[in-house]
Amino acid sequence: MHIEALVMGEGMAQDADGIFSLIRIGQNLFGPPSLPAQTKRSFLTLLVEDENEDLNGETLELSFQFLNPAGVVILAQNLSLQVGEKRLKNLRAASWIPCELLLSVSVLGTHKFEVVLRRGLDELDRKSTNLHVLEASELAG
């Protein structure tokens, strides 16, 4: 199992079939009028089974972290996933995992959102994306 994609947006919706949609995909700039400030961000993480892998019954952990420019974790969340039986045996299993966070920022600079996938103590994969916190005047115009 690996992280195929990590996508950020400003919001998220889910339809009656369970399909997720991101609002303002890739919006990675934030220019608040003053600091500290808060902003909501939504993340979709795509997990994809590796070829010839059978994880039926396994437990996987996803760790979500938001780090300030100094690398200090300012928000963290963990999720355990129980892998079930594959419905379509001839296709690699894939699943979108949603995460919505209210982020507090107190400094300008590049903040990082990171997702780590683990099975027990073994790290299987890691992906990250940035949120650039800028002066509001830098985004004006």
Protein backbone atom coordinates (compact mmCIF):
# COMPACT_ATOMS: atom_id res chain seq x y z
CA MET A 1 0.00 0.00 0.00
CA HIS A 2 1.28 3.46 -0.83
CA ILE A 3 0.08 7.05 -1.00
CA GLU A 4 -0.62 7.72 -4.67
CA ALA A 5 -1.79 11.33 -4.20
CA LEU A 6 -2.29 14.05 -1.61
CA VAL A 7 -4.57 16.88 -2.74
CA MET A 8 -5.43 20.07 -0.83
CA GLY A 9 -8.45 22.34 -1.20
CA GLU A 10 -10.33 24.96 0.79
CA GLY A 11 -13.37 22.77 1.35
CA MET A 12 -14.87 19.38 0.65
CA ALA A 13 -18.25 17.87 -0.13
CA GLN A 14 -19.48 14.28 -0.31
CA ASP A 15 -22.40 13.19 -2.47
CA ALA A 16 -25.03 10.51 -1.80
CA ASP A 17 -22.78 7.85 -3.39
CA GLY A 18 -19.89 8.71 -1.04
CA ILE A 19 -17.83 10.45 -3.75
CA PHE A 20 -15.72 13.38 -2.52
CA SER A 21 -15.28 16.72 -4.27
CA LEU A 22 -12.72 19.34 -3.29
CA ILE A 23 -13.49 23.05 -3.51
CA ARG A 24 -10.70 25.34 -4.77
CA ILE A 25 -8.25 22.50 -5.42
CA GLY A 26 -4.60 23.33 -4.89
CA GLN A 27 -5.26 26.60 -3.06
CA ASN A 28 -1.99 26.81 -1.14
CA LEU A 29 -1.76 30.57 -0.50
CA PHE A 30 -3.15 32.22 2.62
CA GLY A 31 -2.89 35.97 3.24
CA PRO A 32 -4.66 36.85 6.48
CA PRO A 33 -5.14 40.51 7.46
CA SER A 34 -3.31 39.83 10.74
CA LEU A 35 -1.70 37.02 12.73
CA PRO A 36 -2.55 34.78 14.45
CA ALA A 37 -5.22 33.59 12.03
CA GLN A 38 -7.22 30.48 11.22
CA THR A 39 -8.03 28.84 7.92
CA LYS A 40 -9.82 25.63 7.02
CA ARG A 41 -8.16 23.24 4.61
CA SER A 42 -9.39 19.93 3.25
CA PHE A 43 -7.13 17.10 2.17
CA LEU A 44 -7.79 13.94 0.20
CA THR A 45 -5.22 11.16 0.44
CA LEU A 46 -5.38 8.39 -2.16
CA LEU A 47 -4.19 5.02 -0.87
CA VAL A 48 -3.44 2.40 -3.53
CA GLU A 49 -2.62 -1.25 -3.06
CA ASP A 50 0.74 -2.38 -4.39
CA GLU A 51 0.80 -5.13 -7.01
CA ASN A 52 0.39 -8.66 -5.62
CA GLU A 53 -0.29 -7.27 -2.14
CA ASP A 54 -2.90 -8.80 0.15
CA LEU A 55 -3.70 -6.65 3.18
CA ASN A 56 -7.06 -8.26 4.01
CA GLY A 57 -7.56 -7.97 7.78
CA GLU A 58 -4.50 -5.76 8.30
CA THR A 59 -4.62 -2.53 10.28
CA LEU A 60 -2.96 0.54 8.78
CA GLU A 61 -2.35 3.89 10.45
CA LEU A 62 -2.43 7.31 8.82
CA SER A 63 -0.83 10.23 10.64
CA PHE A 64 -1.72 13.78 9.58
CA GLN A 65 0.58 16.60 10.74
CA PHE A 66 0.65 20.34 10.17
CA LEU A 67 4.07 21.90 10.77
CA ASN A 68 5.11 25.54 11.04
CA PRO A 69 8.11 26.90 9.06
CA ALA A 70 10.48 25.88 11.90
CA GLY A 71 9.29 22.26 11.56
CA VAL A 72 7.34 22.27 14.83
CA VAL A 73 4.14 20.19 14.77
CA ILE A 74 1.24 22.51 15.56
CA LEU A 75 -1.56 20.04 14.83
CA ALA A 76 -1.60 16.25 14.56
CA GLN A 77 -4.29 13.65 14.02
CA ASN A 78 -4.09 9.86 13.72
CA LEU A 79 -6.43 7.42 12.03
CA SER A 80 -6.53 3.60 12.10
CA LEU A 81 -7.86 1.78 9.04
CA GLN A 82 -8.99 -1.83 8.98
CA VAL A 83 -8.46 -3.28 5.50
CA GLY A 84 -11.37 -5.38 4.29
CA GLU A 85 -11.72 -7.94 1.55
CA LYS A 86 -11.31 -6.71 -2.02
CA ARG A 87 -14.52 -6.54 -4.03
CA LEU A 88 -12.86 -6.45 -7.47
CA LYS A 89 -10.14 -9.09 -7.36
CA ASN A 90 -8.56 -8.21 -10.73
CA LEU A 91 -8.02 -4.51 -9.82
CA ARG A 92 -5.69 -2.93 -7.29
CA ALA A 93 -7.63 -1.64 -4.30
CA ALA A 94 -7.75 2.15 -3.89
CA SER A 95 -9.43 4.44 -1.40
CA TRP A 96 -9.67 8.20 -0.91
CA ILE A 97 -9.26 9.20 2.76
CA PRO A 98 -10.67 12.65 3.68
CA CYS A 99 -9.27 15.00 6.31
CA GLU A 100 -10.57 18.49 7.14
CA LEU A 101 -8.64 20.66 9.57
CA LEU A 102 -9.02 24.11 11.07
CA LEU A 103 -5.45 25.37 10.97
CA SER A 104 -4.07 28.10 13.22
CA VAL A 105 -1.06 30.00 11.97
CA SER A 106 0.94 32.56 13.92
CA VAL A 107 3.92 33.19 11.64
CA LEU A 108 4.50 33.98 7.98
CA GLY A 109 6.27 31.41 5.81
CA THR A 110 5.84 27.96 4.34
CA HIS A 111 3.90 25.56 6.51
CA LYS A 112 3.80 21.85 5.66
CA PHE A 113 0.96 19.32 5.79
CA GLU A 114 2.29 15.79 5.91
CA VAL A 115 0.65 12.35 5.75
CA VAL A 116 2.47 9.22 6.90
CA LEU A 117 1.18 5.70 6.21
CA ARG A 118 2.28 2.93 8.58
CA ARG A 119 1.65 -0.76 9.16
CA GLY A 120 2.65 -1.39 12.76
CA LEU A 121 6.06 0.20 13.26
CA ASP A 122 6.91 0.09 9.55
CA GLU A 123 6.56 3.32 7.58
CA LEU A 124 5.11 2.45 4.17
CA ASP A 125 4.96 5.91 2.60
CA ARG A 126 4.96 9.66 3.25
CA LYS A 127 3.68 12.63 1.23
CA SER A 128 3.45 16.36 1.94
CA THR A 129 2.11 19.59 0.51
CA ASN A 130 2.71 23.22 1.49
CA LEU A 131 0.57 26.11 2.66
CA HIS A 132 2.30 29.46 2.10
CA VAL A 133 1.28 32.08 4.65
CA LEU A 134 1.97 35.53 3.17
CA GLU A 135 1.29 39.16 3.96
CA ALA A 136 -2.20 40.05 2.74
CA SER A 137 -0.66 42.82 0.63
CA GLU A 138 1.37 40.22 -1.31
CA LEU A 139 -1.87 38.62 -2.53
CA ALA A 140 -3.75 41.86 -3.24
CA GLY A 141 -4.39 42.86 -6.81
